[in-house]
N, C-alpha and C. Protein backbone atom coordinates (compact mmCIF):
# COMPACT_ATOMS: atom_id res chain seq x y z
N MET A 1 0.83 -1.17 0.00
CA MET A 1 0.00 0.00 0.00
C MET A 1 0.88 1.25 0.00
N ASN A 2 0.39 2.31 -0.57
CA ASN A 2 1.16 3.55 -0.62
C ASN A 2 1.11 4.25 0.72
N THR A 3 2.19 4.90 1.07
CA THR A 3 2.21 5.70 2.29
C THR A 3 1.92 7.14 1.91
N PRO A 4 1.25 7.88 2.77
CA PRO A 4 0.94 9.29 2.46
C PRO A 4 2.21 10.10 2.25
N ASP A 5 2.07 11.13 1.41
CA ASP A 5 3.21 12.01 1.13
C ASP A 5 3.75 12.65 2.39
N SER A 6 2.87 12.90 3.35
CA SER A 6 3.31 13.59 4.56
C SER A 6 4.33 12.77 5.33
N GLU A 7 4.27 11.45 5.25
CA GLU A 7 5.25 10.62 5.94
C GLU A 7 6.61 10.67 5.26
N HIS A 8 6.61 10.93 3.98
CA HIS A 8 7.87 11.02 3.25
C HIS A 8 8.58 12.36 3.48
N LYS A 9 7.82 13.40 3.67
CA LYS A 9 8.40 14.73 3.77
C LYS A 9 8.93 15.05 5.17
N HIS A 10 8.24 14.57 6.20
CA HIS A 10 8.59 14.94 7.57
C HIS A 10 8.68 13.69 8.43
N SER A 11 9.66 13.65 9.26
CA SER A 11 9.74 12.52 10.20
C SER A 11 9.02 12.86 11.50
N ASP A 12 8.81 14.14 11.76
CA ASP A 12 8.12 14.59 12.96
C ASP A 12 6.61 14.39 12.78
N PRO A 13 5.95 13.62 13.65
CA PRO A 13 4.52 13.38 13.46
C PRO A 13 3.66 14.63 13.62
N GLU A 14 4.16 15.65 14.32
CA GLU A 14 3.39 16.88 14.50
C GLU A 14 3.43 17.77 13.26
N ALA A 15 4.50 17.69 12.49
CA ALA A 15 4.64 18.54 11.30
C ALA A 15 4.11 17.77 10.09
N ARG A 16 2.80 17.79 9.93
CA ARG A 16 2.18 17.05 8.84
C ARG A 16 1.75 17.98 7.73
N ASP A 17 1.75 17.42 6.54
CA ASP A 17 1.27 18.16 5.38
C ASP A 17 -0.24 18.00 5.35
N VAL A 18 -0.99 19.07 5.49
CA VAL A 18 -2.44 18.97 5.55
C VAL A 18 -3.11 19.61 4.33
N ARG A 19 -2.42 19.56 3.19
CA ARG A 19 -3.02 20.08 1.97
C ARG A 19 -4.26 19.29 1.62
N ALA A 20 -5.18 19.96 0.96
CA ALA A 20 -6.37 19.27 0.48
C ALA A 20 -5.99 18.52 -0.79
N GLY A 21 -6.41 17.29 -0.87
CA GLY A 21 -6.18 16.49 -2.06
C GLY A 21 -7.50 16.04 -2.63
N PRO A 22 -7.46 15.21 -3.65
CA PRO A 22 -8.71 14.73 -4.25
C PRO A 22 -9.57 14.00 -3.23
N GLY A 23 -10.81 14.42 -3.10
CA GLY A 23 -11.75 13.74 -2.24
C GLY A 23 -11.81 14.24 -0.81
N ASP A 24 -10.92 15.13 -0.40
CA ASP A 24 -11.00 15.58 0.99
C ASP A 24 -11.25 17.08 1.12
N ALA A 25 -11.62 17.72 0.04
CA ALA A 25 -12.08 19.10 -0.04
C ALA A 25 -11.80 19.97 1.18
N GLY A 26 -10.59 20.35 1.37
CA GLY A 26 -10.22 21.28 2.43
C GLY A 26 -10.07 20.65 3.78
N ALA A 27 -9.81 19.38 3.84
CA ALA A 27 -9.67 18.72 5.14
C ALA A 27 -8.48 19.28 5.90
N SER A 28 -8.61 19.33 7.19
CA SER A 28 -7.51 19.77 8.04
C SER A 28 -7.54 18.94 9.32
N ASP A 29 -6.50 19.05 10.11
CA ASP A 29 -6.44 18.29 11.35
C ASP A 29 -7.59 18.63 12.28
N ARG A 30 -7.87 19.90 12.41
CA ARG A 30 -8.90 20.31 13.35
C ARG A 30 -9.60 21.53 12.76
N PRO A 31 -10.92 21.48 12.61
CA PRO A 31 -11.62 22.62 12.05
C PRO A 31 -11.52 23.84 12.96
N VAL A 32 -11.39 24.99 12.35
CA VAL A 32 -11.29 26.24 13.10
C VAL A 32 -12.52 27.08 12.78
N HIS A 33 -13.20 27.53 13.82
CA HIS A 33 -14.38 28.38 13.62
C HIS A 33 -13.93 29.77 13.22
N ARG A 34 -14.38 30.20 12.05
CA ARG A 34 -14.05 31.53 11.58
C ARG A 34 -15.00 32.53 12.23
N GLU A 35 -14.45 33.58 12.77
CA GLU A 35 -15.28 34.60 13.41
C GLU A 35 -16.20 35.24 12.38
N GLU A 36 -17.44 35.49 12.79
CA GLU A 36 -18.42 36.08 11.91
C GLU A 36 -18.44 37.60 12.11
N THR A 37 -18.24 38.33 11.04
CA THR A 37 -18.22 39.79 11.12
C THR A 37 -19.61 40.33 10.78
N PRO A 38 -19.88 41.58 11.11
CA PRO A 38 -21.17 42.18 10.72
C PRO A 38 -21.39 42.14 9.20
N ARG A 39 -20.29 42.25 8.45
CA ARG A 39 -20.41 42.18 6.98
C ARG A 39 -20.88 40.79 6.56
N ASP A 40 -20.36 39.74 7.20
CA ASP A 40 -20.79 38.37 6.89
C ASP A 40 -22.27 38.21 7.16
N ARG A 41 -22.72 38.75 8.28
CA ARG A 41 -24.15 38.65 8.62
C ARG A 41 -25.01 39.39 7.61
N ARG A 42 -24.56 40.60 7.19
CA ARG A 42 -25.31 41.37 6.19
C ARG A 42 -25.42 40.61 4.88
N GLU A 43 -24.29 40.03 4.44
CA GLU A 43 -24.30 39.30 3.17
C GLU A 43 -25.18 38.06 3.26
N GLY A 44 -25.16 37.39 4.40
CA GLY A 44 -26.01 36.21 4.58
C GLY A 44 -27.48 36.58 4.58
N ARG A 45 -27.81 37.67 5.26
CA ARG A 45 -29.20 38.13 5.30
C ARG A 45 -29.66 38.54 3.91
N LYS A 46 -28.78 39.20 3.17
CA LYS A 46 -29.11 39.63 1.81
C LYS A 46 -29.36 38.42 0.90
N ALA A 47 -28.51 37.40 1.02
CA ALA A 47 -28.67 36.20 0.21
C ALA A 47 -29.96 35.47 0.56
N THR A 48 -30.29 35.41 1.85
CA THR A 48 -31.52 34.75 2.29
C THR A 48 -32.74 35.49 1.76
N ASN A 49 -32.72 36.82 1.85
CA ASN A 49 -33.84 37.61 1.33
C ASN A 49 -34.00 37.42 -0.17
N LEU A 50 -32.89 37.40 -0.90
CA LEU A 50 -32.95 37.20 -2.34
C LEU A 50 -33.57 35.84 -2.66
N LEU A 51 -33.15 34.80 -1.95
CA LEU A 51 -33.71 33.47 -2.17
C LEU A 51 -35.21 33.44 -1.90
N LEU A 52 -35.63 34.06 -0.79
CA LEU A 52 -37.05 34.07 -0.46
C LEU A 52 -37.87 34.82 -1.51
N TRP A 53 -37.35 35.95 -2.00
CA TRP A 53 -38.03 36.70 -3.04
C TRP A 53 -38.15 35.88 -4.32
N LEU A 54 -37.08 35.21 -4.71
CA LEU A 54 -37.11 34.42 -5.94
C LEU A 54 -38.08 33.25 -5.82
N VAL A 55 -38.11 32.60 -4.67
CA VAL A 55 -39.06 31.50 -4.46
C VAL A 55 -40.49 32.04 -4.49
N GLY A 56 -40.73 33.18 -3.84
CA GLY A 56 -42.07 33.78 -3.85
C GLY A 56 -42.51 34.16 -5.26
N ILE A 57 -41.61 34.78 -6.02
CA ILE A 57 -41.93 35.16 -7.40
C ILE A 57 -42.21 33.91 -8.24
N GLY A 58 -41.44 32.85 -7.98
CA GLY A 58 -41.67 31.59 -8.71
C GLY A 58 -43.05 31.04 -8.43
N PHE A 59 -43.49 31.07 -7.16
CA PHE A 59 -44.83 30.60 -6.82
C PHE A 59 -45.89 31.46 -7.49
N VAL A 60 -45.70 32.77 -7.52
CA VAL A 60 -46.67 33.66 -8.16
C VAL A 60 -46.76 33.35 -9.66
N ILE A 61 -45.63 33.15 -10.31
CA ILE A 61 -45.63 32.84 -11.74
C ILE A 61 -46.35 31.51 -12.00
N VAL A 62 -46.06 30.51 -11.18
CA VAL A 62 -46.73 29.22 -11.34
C VAL A 62 -48.23 29.37 -11.13
N PHE A 63 -48.64 30.14 -10.13
CA PHE A 63 -50.05 30.36 -9.86
C PHE A 63 -50.73 31.06 -11.02
N VAL A 64 -50.10 32.10 -11.55
CA VAL A 64 -50.69 32.86 -12.69
C VAL A 64 -50.78 31.96 -13.91
N LEU A 65 -49.74 31.21 -14.21
CA LEU A 65 -49.78 30.33 -15.37
C LEU A 65 -50.83 29.23 -15.19
N ASN A 66 -51.02 28.77 -13.97
CA ASN A 66 -52.05 27.78 -13.68
C ASN A 66 -53.44 28.36 -13.94
N MET A 67 -53.66 29.60 -13.52
CA MET A 67 -54.95 30.25 -13.74
C MET A 67 -55.20 30.45 -15.24
N VAL A 68 -54.16 30.85 -15.97
CA VAL A 68 -54.29 31.06 -17.42
C VAL A 68 -54.61 29.74 -18.11
N ALA A 69 -54.01 28.65 -17.65
CA ALA A 69 -54.25 27.35 -18.26
C ALA A 69 -55.68 26.87 -18.04
N LEU A 70 -56.29 27.29 -16.93
CA LEU A 70 -57.67 26.88 -16.65
C LEU A 70 -58.70 27.63 -17.48
N LEU A 71 -58.33 28.78 -18.05
CA LEU A 71 -59.29 29.58 -18.85
C LEU A 71 -59.51 29.02 -20.19
């Protein structure tokens, strides 16, 4: 079996290579919580509002087209 690249590069078990490779999309030894700024909250709220508006408009369009189809 192949040994991970990190074992070849470093003999110290604490100094590991934690690059993301195929299939582990950004994996790391321990996840770190990123602090949320007021800007992050504003952008999240804006995205949520946009999604809700688009879903609402979609329902209205479906309802109107349904009414037109019944005529």
